[in-house]
PDB file of all heavy atoms in Angstrom:
ATOM      1  N   LEU A   1     132.749  70.959  83.423  1.00  0.00           N
ATOM      2  CA  LEU A   1     133.782  71.555  82.570  1.00  0.00           C
ATOM      3  C   LEU A   1     134.223  72.914  83.102  1.00  0.00           C
ATOM      4  O   LEU A   1     134.881  73.688  82.422  1.00  0.00           O
ATOM      5  CB  LEU A   1     133.282  71.698  81.132  1.00  0.00           C
ATOM      6  CG  LEU A   1     132.979  70.407  80.380  1.00  0.00           C
ATOM      7  CD1 LEU A   1     132.470  70.720  78.984  1.00  0.00           C
ATOM      8  CD2 LEU A   1     134.201  69.516  80.310  1.00  0.00           C
ATOM      9  N   ASN A   2     133.832  73.213  84.352  1.00  0.00           N
ATOM     10  CA  ASN A   2     134.174  74.488  84.997  1.00  0.00           C
ATOM     11  C   ASN A   2     133.560  75.690  84.290  1.00  0.00           C
ATOM     12  O   ASN A   2     134.129  76.778  84.299  1.00  0.00           O
ATOM     13  CB  ASN A   2     135.703  74.673  85.097  1.00  0.00           C
ATOM     14  CG  ASN A   2     136.295  73.877  86.244  1.00  0.00           C
ATOM     15  OD1 ASN A   2     135.583  73.204  86.979  1.00  0.00           O
ATOM     16  ND2 ASN A   2     137.594  73.964  86.410  1.00  0.00           N
ATOM     17  N   LYS A   3     132.395  75.493  83.672  1.00  0.00           N
ATOM     18  CA  LYS A   3     131.690  76.582  83.007  1.00  0.00           C
ATOM     19  C   LYS A   3     130.488  77.008  83.842  1.00  0.00           C
ATOM     20  O   LYS A   3     129.695  76.171  84.275  1.00  0.00           O
ATOM     21  CB  LYS A   3     131.226  76.157  81.603  1.00  0.00           C
ATOM     22  CG  LYS A   3     132.363  75.877  80.633  1.00  0.00           C
ATOM     23  CD  LYS A   3     133.171  77.133  80.359  1.00  0.00           C
ATOM     24  CE  LYS A   3     134.268  76.884  79.344  1.00  0.00           C
ATOM     25  NZ  LYS A   3     135.098  78.091  79.123  1.00  0.00           N
ATOM     26  N   ALA A   4     130.360  78.332  84.074  1.00  0.00           N
ATOM     27  CA  ALA A   4     129.240  78.839  84.868  1.00  0.00           C
ATOM     28  C   ALA A   4     127.938  78.698  84.080  1.00  0.00           C
ATOM     29  O   ALA A   4     127.857  79.117  82.928  1.00  0.00           O
ATOM     30  CB  ALA A   4     129.486  80.296  85.234  1.00  0.00           C
ATOM     31  N   ILE A   5     126.920  78.127  84.718  1.00  0.00           N
ATOM     32  CA  ILE A   5     125.634  77.891  84.055  1.00  0.00           C
ATOM     33  C   ILE A   5     124.561  78.840  84.579  1.00  0.00           C
ATOM     34  O   ILE A   5     123.810  79.434  83.805  1.00  0.00           O
ATOM     35  CB  ILE A   5     125.179  76.431  84.271  1.00  0.00           C
ATOM     36  CG1 ILE A   5     126.298  75.456  83.899  1.00  0.00           C
ATOM     37  CG2 ILE A   5     123.918  76.156  83.470  1.00  0.00           C
ATOM     38  CD1 ILE A   5     126.800  75.571  82.488  1.00  0.00           C
ATOM     39  N   LEU A   6     124.474  78.973  85.895  1.00  0.00           N
ATOM     40  CA  LEU A   6     123.456  79.809  86.526  1.00  0.00           C
ATOM     41  C   LEU A   6     124.103  80.767  87.517  1.00  0.00           C
ATOM     42  O   LEU A   6     125.130  80.453  88.121  1.00  0.00           O
ATOM     43  CB  LEU A   6     122.435  78.945  87.281  1.00  0.00           C
ATOM     44  CG  LEU A   6     121.443  78.137  86.444  1.00  0.00           C
ATOM     45  CD1 LEU A   6     120.669  77.189  87.351  1.00  0.00           C
ATOM     46  CD2 LEU A   6     120.473  79.041  85.708  1.00  0.00           C
ATOM     47  N   TYR A   7     123.454  81.936  87.693  1.00  0.00           N
ATOM     48  CA  TYR A   7     123.973  82.963  88.596  1.00  0.00           C
ATOM     49  C   TYR A   7     122.798  83.582  89.342  1.00  0.00           C
ATOM     50  O   TYR A   7     121.873  84.116  88.724  1.00  0.00           O
ATOM     51  CB  TYR A   7     124.722  84.016  87.776  1.00  0.00           C
ATOM     52  CG  TYR A   7     125.211  85.223  88.549  1.00  0.00           C
ATOM     53  CD1 TYR A   7     126.244  85.109  89.468  1.00  0.00           C
ATOM     54  CD2 TYR A   7     124.648  86.482  88.323  1.00  0.00           C
ATOM     55  CE1 TYR A   7     126.707  86.217  90.158  1.00  0.00           C
ATOM     56  CE2 TYR A   7     125.107  87.600  89.014  1.00  0.00           C
ATOM     57  CZ  TYR A   7     126.138  87.458  89.930  1.00  0.00           C
ATOM     58  OH  TYR A   7     126.589  88.551  90.618  1.00  0.00           O
ATOM     59  N   LYS A   8     122.798  83.475  90.678  1.00  0.00           N
ATOM     60  CA  LYS A   8     121.724  84.031  91.490  1.00  0.00           C
ATOM     61  C   LYS A   8     122.331  84.816  92.650  1.00  0.00           C
ATOM     62  O   LYS A   8     123.366  84.433  93.186  1.00  0.00           O
ATOM     63  CB  LYS A   8     120.817  82.921  92.037  1.00  0.00           C
ATOM     64  CG  LYS A   8     120.082  82.115  90.970  1.00  0.00           C
ATOM     65  CD  LYS A   8     119.042  82.952  90.250  1.00  0.00           C
ATOM     66  CE  LYS A   8     118.283  82.148  89.217  1.00  0.00           C
ATOM     67  NZ  LYS A   8     117.285  82.978  88.494  1.00  0.00           N
ATOM     68  N   TYR A   9     121.652  85.907  93.033  1.00  0.00           N
ATOM     69  CA  TYR A   9     122.184  86.732  94.119  1.00  0.00           C
ATOM     70  C   TYR A   9     121.051  87.385  94.890  1.00  0.00           C
ATOM     71  O   TYR A   9     119.914  87.492  94.416  1.00  0.00           O
ATOM     72  CB  TYR A   9     123.123  87.809  93.560  1.00  0.00           C
ATOM     73  CG  TYR A   9     122.459  88.746  92.570  1.00  0.00           C
ATOM     74  CD1 TYR A   9     121.757  89.866  92.984  1.00  0.00           C
ATOM     75  CD2 TYR A   9     122.534  88.480  91.200  1.00  0.00           C
ATOM     76  CE1 TYR A   9     121.147  90.707  92.070  1.00  0.00           C
ATOM     77  CE2 TYR A   9     121.923  89.314  90.283  1.00  0.00           C
ATOM     78  CZ  TYR A   9     121.224  90.430  90.721  1.00  0.00           C
ATOM     79  OH  TYR A   9     120.609  91.255  89.819  1.00  0.00           O
ATOM     80  N   ILE A  10     121.381  87.817  96.112  1.00  0.00           N
ATOM     81  CA  ILE A  10     120.463  88.613  96.920  1.00  0.00           C
ATOM     82  C   ILE A  10     121.276  89.693  97.627  1.00  0.00           C
ATOM     83  O   ILE A  10     122.337  89.406  98.193  1.00  0.00           O
ATOM     84  CB  ILE A  10     119.677  87.743  97.934  1.00  0.00           C
ATOM     85  CG1 ILE A  10     118.664  88.609  98.694  1.00  0.00           C
ATOM     86  CG2 ILE A  10     120.603  86.990  98.872  1.00  0.00           C
ATOM     87  CD1 ILE A  10     117.684  87.799  99.532  1.00  0.00           C
ATOM     88  N   PHE A  11     120.826  90.946  97.533  1.00  0.00           N
ATOM     89  CA  PHE A  11     121.504  92.081  98.159  1.00  0.00           C
ATOM     90  C   PHE A  11     120.673  92.579  99.339  1.00  0.00           C
ATOM     91  O   PHE A  11     119.466  92.790  99.221  1.00  0.00           O
ATOM     92  CB  PHE A  11     121.699  93.226  97.165  1.00  0.00           C
ATOM     93  CG  PHE A  11     122.747  92.964  96.117  1.00  0.00           C
ATOM     94  CD1 PHE A  11     122.891  93.825  95.035  1.00  0.00           C
ATOM     95  CD2 PHE A  11     123.591  91.875  96.196  1.00  0.00           C
ATOM     96  CE1 PHE A  11     123.853  93.604  94.066  1.00  0.00           C
ATOM     97  CE2 PHE A  11     124.557  91.637  95.236  1.00  0.00           C
ATOM     98  CZ  PHE A  11     124.689  92.498  94.167  1.00  0.00           C
ATOM     99  N   ASP A  12     121.343  92.799 100.435  1.00  0.00           N
ATOM    100  CA  ASP A  12     120.680  93.325 101.632  1.00  0.00           C
ATOM    101  C   ASP A  12     120.056  94.688 101.361  1.00  0.00           C
ATOM    102  O   ASP A  12     119.008  95.031 101.924  1.00  0.00           O
ATOM    103  CB  ASP A  12     121.696  93.424 102.772  1.00  0.00           C
ATOM    104  CG  ASP A  12     121.133  94.110 104.003  1.00  0.00           C
ATOM    105  OD1 ASP A  12     120.416  93.455 104.767  1.00  0.00           O
ATOM    106  OD2 ASP A  12     121.416  95.321 104.191  1.00  0.00           O
ATOM    107  N   ILE A  13     120.674  95.459 100.470  1.00  0.00           N
ATOM    108  CA  ILE A  13     120.175  96.803 100.177  1.00  0.00           C
ATOM    109  C   ILE A  13     118.791  96.739  99.522  1.00  0.00           C
ATOM    110  O   ILE A  13     117.975  97.654  99.654  1.00  0.00           O
ATOM    111  CB  ILE A  13     121.182  97.572  99.288  1.00  0.00           C
ATOM    112  CG1 ILE A  13     120.824  99.059  99.247  1.00  0.00           C
ATOM    113  CG2 ILE A  13     121.247  96.976  97.894  1.00  0.00           C
ATOM    114  CD1 ILE A  13     121.896  99.892  98.569  1.00  0.00           C
ATOM    115  N   ASP A  14     118.480  95.638  98.815  1.00  0.00           N
ATOM    116  CA  ASP A  14     117.178  95.466  98.172  1.00  0.00           C
ATOM    117  C   ASP A  14     116.185  94.741  99.076  1.00  0.00           C
ATOM    118  O   ASP A  14     114.985  95.010  99.041  1.00  0.00           O
ATOM    119  CB  ASP A  14     117.339  94.678  96.867  1.00  0.00           C
ATOM    120  CG  ASP A  14     118.242  95.388  95.878  1.00  0.00           C
ATOM    121  OD1 ASP A  14     118.189  96.627  95.816  1.00  0.00           O
ATOM    122  OD2 ASP A  14     119.005  94.691  95.180  1.00  0.00           O
ATOM    123  N   ASN A  15     116.710  93.796  99.837  1.00  0.00           N
ATOM    124  CA  ASN A  15     115.866  92.950 100.675  1.00  0.00           C
ATOM    125  C   ASN A  15     116.646  92.617 101.948  1.00  0.00           C
ATOM    126  O   ASN A  15     117.521  91.755 101.909  1.00  0.00           O
ATOM    127  CB  ASN A  15     115.505  91.671  99.913  1.00  0.00           C
ATOM    128  CG  ASN A  15     114.576  90.781 100.694  1.00  0.00           C
ATOM    129  OD1 ASN A  15     113.940  91.204 101.655  1.00  0.00           O
ATOM    130  ND2 ASN A  15     114.509  89.517 100.289  1.00  0.00           N
ATOM    131  N   PRO A  16     116.405  93.331 103.059  1.00  0.00           N
ATOM    132  CA  PRO A  16     117.206  93.141 104.270  1.00  0.00           C
ATOM    133  C   PRO A  16     117.323  91.667 104.683  1.00  0.00           C
ATOM    134  O   PRO A  16     116.313  90.955 104.784  1.00  0.00           O
ATOM    135  CB  PRO A  16     116.434  93.937 105.328  1.00  0.00           C
ATOM    136  CG  PRO A  16     115.735  94.993 104.543  1.00  0.00           C
ATOM    137  CD  PRO A  16     115.336  94.338 103.250  1.00  0.00           C
ATOM    138  N   ILE A  17     118.568  91.225 104.865  1.00  0.00           N
ATOM    139  CA  ILE A  17     118.825  89.828 105.245  1.00  0.00           C
ATOM    140  C   ILE A  17     119.860  89.786 106.359  1.00  0.00           C
ATOM    141  O   ILE A  17     120.697  90.688 106.492  1.00  0.00           O
ATOM    142  CB  ILE A  17     119.334  88.996 104.045  1.00  0.00           C
ATOM    143  CG1 ILE A  17     120.590  89.645 103.435  1.00  0.00           C
ATOM    144  CG2 ILE A  17     118.258  88.800 102.996  1.00  0.00           C
ATOM    145  CD1 ILE A  17     121.297  88.771 102.412  1.00  0.00           C
ATOM    146  N   CYS A  18     119.817  88.738 107.149  1.00  0.00           N
ATOM    147  CA  CYS A  18     120.844  88.433 108.137  1.00  0.00           C
ATOM    148  C   CYS A  18     121.168  89.632 109.038  1.00  0.00           C
ATOM    149  O   CYS A  18     122.341  89.974 109.226  1.00  0.00           O
ATOM    150  CB  CYS A  18     122.102  87.927 107.444  1.00  0.00           C
ATOM    151  SG  CYS A  18     121.840  86.499 106.384  1.00  0.00           S
ATOM    152  N   ARG A  19     120.153  90.254 109.583  1.00  0.00           N
ATOM    153  CA  ARG A  19     120.366  91.441 110.419  1.00  0.00           C
ATOM    154  C   ARG A  19     120.605  91.083 111.899  1.00  0.00           C
ATOM    155  O   ARG A  19     120.963  91.945 112.689  1.00  0.00           O
ATOM    156  CB  ARG A  19     119.160  92.380 110.307  1.00  0.00           C
ATOM    157  CG  ARG A  19     119.027  93.064 108.938  1.00  0.00           C
ATOM    158  CD  ARG A  19     120.185  94.003 108.673  1.00  0.00           C
ATOM    159  NE  ARG A  19     120.091  94.696 107.411  1.00  0.00           N
ATOM    160  CZ  ARG A  19     119.531  95.898 107.257  1.00  0.00           C
ATOM    161  NH1 ARG A  19     118.982  96.513 108.281  1.00  0.00           N
ATOM    162  NH2 ARG A  19     119.501  96.462 106.068  1.00  0.00           N
ATOM    163  N   GLU A  20     120.372  89.818 112.279  1.00  0.00           N
ATOM    164  CA  GLU A  20     120.545  89.429 113.675  1.00  0.00           C
ATOM    165  C   GLU A  20     121.969  88.946 113.942  1.00  0.00           C
ATOM    166  O   GLU A  20     122.581  88.295 113.095  1.00  0.00           O
ATOM    167  CB  GLU A  20     119.561  88.324 114.039  1.00  0.00           C
ATOM    168  CG  GLU A  20     118.107  88.748 113.979  1.00  0.00           C
ATOM    169  CD  GLU A  20     117.171  87.629 114.390  1.00  0.00           C
ATOM    170  OE1 GLU A  20     117.670  86.589 114.866  1.00  0.00           O
ATOM    171  OE2 GLU A  20     115.946  87.802 114.244  1.00  0.00           O
ATOM    172  N   LYS A  21     122.486  89.265 115.127  1.00  0.00           N
ATOM    173  CA  LYS A  21     123.798  88.771 115.529  1.00  0.00           C
ATOM    174  C   LYS A  21     123.705  87.265 115.758  1.00  0.00           C
ATOM    175  O   LYS A  21     122.731  86.758 116.309  1.00  0.00           O
ATOM    176  CB  LYS A  21     124.263  89.467 116.800  1.00  0.00           C
ATOM    177  CG  LYS A  21     125.658  89.038 117.262  1.00  0.00           C
ATOM    178  CD  LYS A  21     126.098  89.793 118.505  1.00  0.00           C
ATOM    179  CE  LYS A  21     127.487  89.333 118.948  1.00  0.00           C
ATOM    180  NZ  LYS A  21     127.946  90.051 120.163  1.00  0.00           N
ATOM    181  N   GLY A  22     124.745  86.539 115.317  1.00  0.00           N
ATOM    182  CA  GLY A  22     124.740  85.086 115.455  1.00  0.00           C
ATOM    183  C   GLY A  22     124.298  84.401 114.180  1.00  0.00           C
ATOM    184  O   GLY A  22     124.525  84.902 113.080  1.00  0.00           O
ATOM    185  N   VAL A  23     123.613  83.271 114.314  1.00  0.00           N
ATOM    186  CA  VAL A  23     123.264  82.442 113.165  1.00  0.00           C
ATOM    187  C   VAL A  23     121.982  82.937 112.489  1.00  0.00           C
ATOM    188  O   VAL A  23     120.976  83.186 113.154  1.00  0.00           O
ATOM    189  CB  VAL A  23     123.097  80.972 113.582  1.00  0.00           C
ATOM    190  CG1 VAL A  23     122.708  80.117 112.371  1.00  0.00           C
ATOM    191  CG2 VAL A  23     124.387  80.442 114.194  1.00  0.00           C
ATOM    192  N   ASN A  24     122.048  83.095 111.146  1.00  0.00           N
ATOM    193  CA  ASN A  24     120.900  83.480 110.336  1.00  0.00           C
ATOM    194  C   ASN A  24     120.722  82.438 109.223  1.00  0.00           C
ATOM    195  O   ASN A  24     121.685  81.764 108.822  1.00  0.00           O
ATOM    196  CB  ASN A  24     121.115  84.853 109.697  1.00  0.00           C
ATOM    197  CG  ASN A  24     121.171  85.977 110.730  1.00  0.00           C
ATOM    198  OD1 ASN A  24     120.231  86.720 110.889  1.00  0.00           O
ATOM    199  ND2 ASN A  24     122.301  86.121 111.433  1.00  0.00           N
ATOM    200  N   TYR A  25     119.486  82.338 108.709  1.00  0.00           N
ATOM    201  CA  TYR A  25     119.198  81.323 107.695  1.00  0.00           C
ATOM    202  C   TYR A  25     118.520  81.963 106.483  1.00  0.00           C
ATOM    203  O   TYR A  25     117.590  82.753 106.626  1.00  0.00           O
ATOM    204  CB  TYR A  25     118.278  80.236 108.264  1.00  0.00           C
ATOM    205  CG  TYR A  25     118.845  79.528 109.470  1.00  0.00           C
ATOM    206  CD1 TYR A  25     118.538  79.967 110.757  1.00  0.00           C
ATOM    207  CD2 TYR A  25     119.692  78.430 109.333  1.00  0.00           C
ATOM    208  CE1 TYR A  25     119.053  79.331 111.877  1.00  0.00           C
ATOM    209  CE2 TYR A  25     120.211  77.788 110.447  1.00  0.00           C
ATOM    210  CZ  TYR A  25     119.890  78.236 111.715  1.00  0.00           C
ATOM    211  OH  TYR A  25     120.407  77.612 112.817  1.00  0.00           O
ATOM    212  N   ILE A  26     118.990  81.607 105.286  1.00  0.00           N
ATOM    213  CA  ILE A  26     118.298  81.972 104.049  1.00  0.00           C
ATOM    214  C   ILE A  26     118.346  80.773 103.109  1.00  0.00           C
ATOM    215  O   ILE A  26     119.188  79.868 103.260  1.00  0.00           O
ATOM    216  CB  ILE A  26     118.909  83.216 103.350  1.00  0.00           C
ATOM    217  CG1 ILE A  26     120.372  82.959 102.962  1.00  0.00           C
ATOM    218  CG2 ILE A  26     118.793  84.459 104.211  1.00  0.00           C
ATOM    219  CD1 ILE A  26     120.954  84.068 102.101  1.00  0.00           C
ATOM    220  N   SER A  27     117.459  80.735 102.130  1.00  0.00           N
ATOM    221  CA  SER A  27     117.393  79.618 101.182  1.00  0.00           C
ATOM    222  C   SER A  27     117.055  80.134  99.794  1.00  0.00           C
ATOM    223  O   SER A  27     116.543  81.243  99.634  1.00  0.00           O
ATOM    224  CB  SER A  27     116.316  78.603 101.611  1.00  0.00           C
ATOM    225  OG  SER A  27     116.574  78.083 102.885  1.00  0.00           O
ATOM    226  N   PHE A  28     117.355  79.311  98.806  1.00  0.00           N
ATOM    227  CA  PHE A  28     116.908  79.576  97.429  1.00  0.00           C
ATOM    228  C   PHE A  28     116.209  78.326  96.922  1.00  0.00           C
ATOM    229  O   PHE A  28     116.752  77.221  96.998  1.00  0.00           O
ATOM    230  CB  PHE A  28     118.064  79.940  96.508  1.00  0.00           C
ATOM    231  CG  PHE A  28     117.595  80.425  95.158  1.00  0.00           C
ATOM    232  CD1 PHE A  28     117.414  81.775  94.920  1.00  0.00           C
ATOM    233  CD2 PHE A  28     117.299  79.531  94.128  1.00  0.00           C
ATOM    234  CE1 PHE A  28     116.948  82.235  93.687  1.00  0.00           C
ATOM    235  CE2 PHE A  28     116.841  79.979  92.903  1.00  0.00           C
ATOM    236  CZ  PHE A  28     116.665  81.337  92.685  1.00  0.00           C
ATOM    237  N   GLN A  29     115.012  78.510  96.363  1.00  0.00           N
ATOM    238  CA  GLN A  29     114.199  77.393  95.890  1.00  0.00           C
ATOM    239  C   GLN A  29     114.015  77.454  94.374  1.00  0.00           C
ATOM    240  O   GLN A  29     113.529  78.459  93.840  1.00  0.00           O
ATOM    241  CB  GLN A  29     112.826  77.425  96.562  1.00  0.00           C
ATOM    242  CG  GLN A  29     111.833  76.408  96.031  1.00  0.00           C
ATOM    243  CD  GLN A  29     112.078  75.012  96.568  1.00  0.00           C
ATOM    244  OE1 GLN A  29     112.311  74.839  97.757  1.00  0.00           O
ATOM    245  NE2 GLN A  29     112.055  74.010  95.687  1.00  0.00           N
ATOM    246  N   PHE A  30     114.445  76.394  93.675  1.00  0.00           N
ATOM    247  CA  PHE A  30     114.100  76.212  92.263  1.00  0.00           C
ATOM    248  C   PHE A  30     112.839  75.346  92.226  1.00  0.00           C
ATOM    249  O   PHE A  30     112.859  74.213  92.713  1.00  0.00           O
ATOM    250  CB  PHE A  30     115.211  75.482  91.499  1.00  0.00           C
ATOM    251  CG  PHE A  30     116.471  76.269  91.308  1.00  0.00           C
ATOM    252  CD1 PHE A  30     117.501  76.161  92.228  1.00  0.00           C
ATOM    253  CD2 PHE A  30     116.639  77.080  90.207  1.00  0.00           C
ATOM    254  CE1 PHE A  30     118.682  76.870  92.051  1.00  0.00           C
ATOM    255  CE2 PHE A  30     117.807  77.789  90.017  1.00  0.00           C
ATOM    256  CZ  PHE A  30     118.832  77.690  90.947  1.00  0.00           C
TER     257      PHE A  30
END
C-alpha cells in the first residue's frame, strides 16, 4: 500500500564504512 513499515540506517560518522576505493560490501541481518 506504499506505506513505510521499517526504517534502518548506518552513518559513517558513527561506524566507518566503505572507506576503500572501488567495491565495498555491507549487509543488514534480521
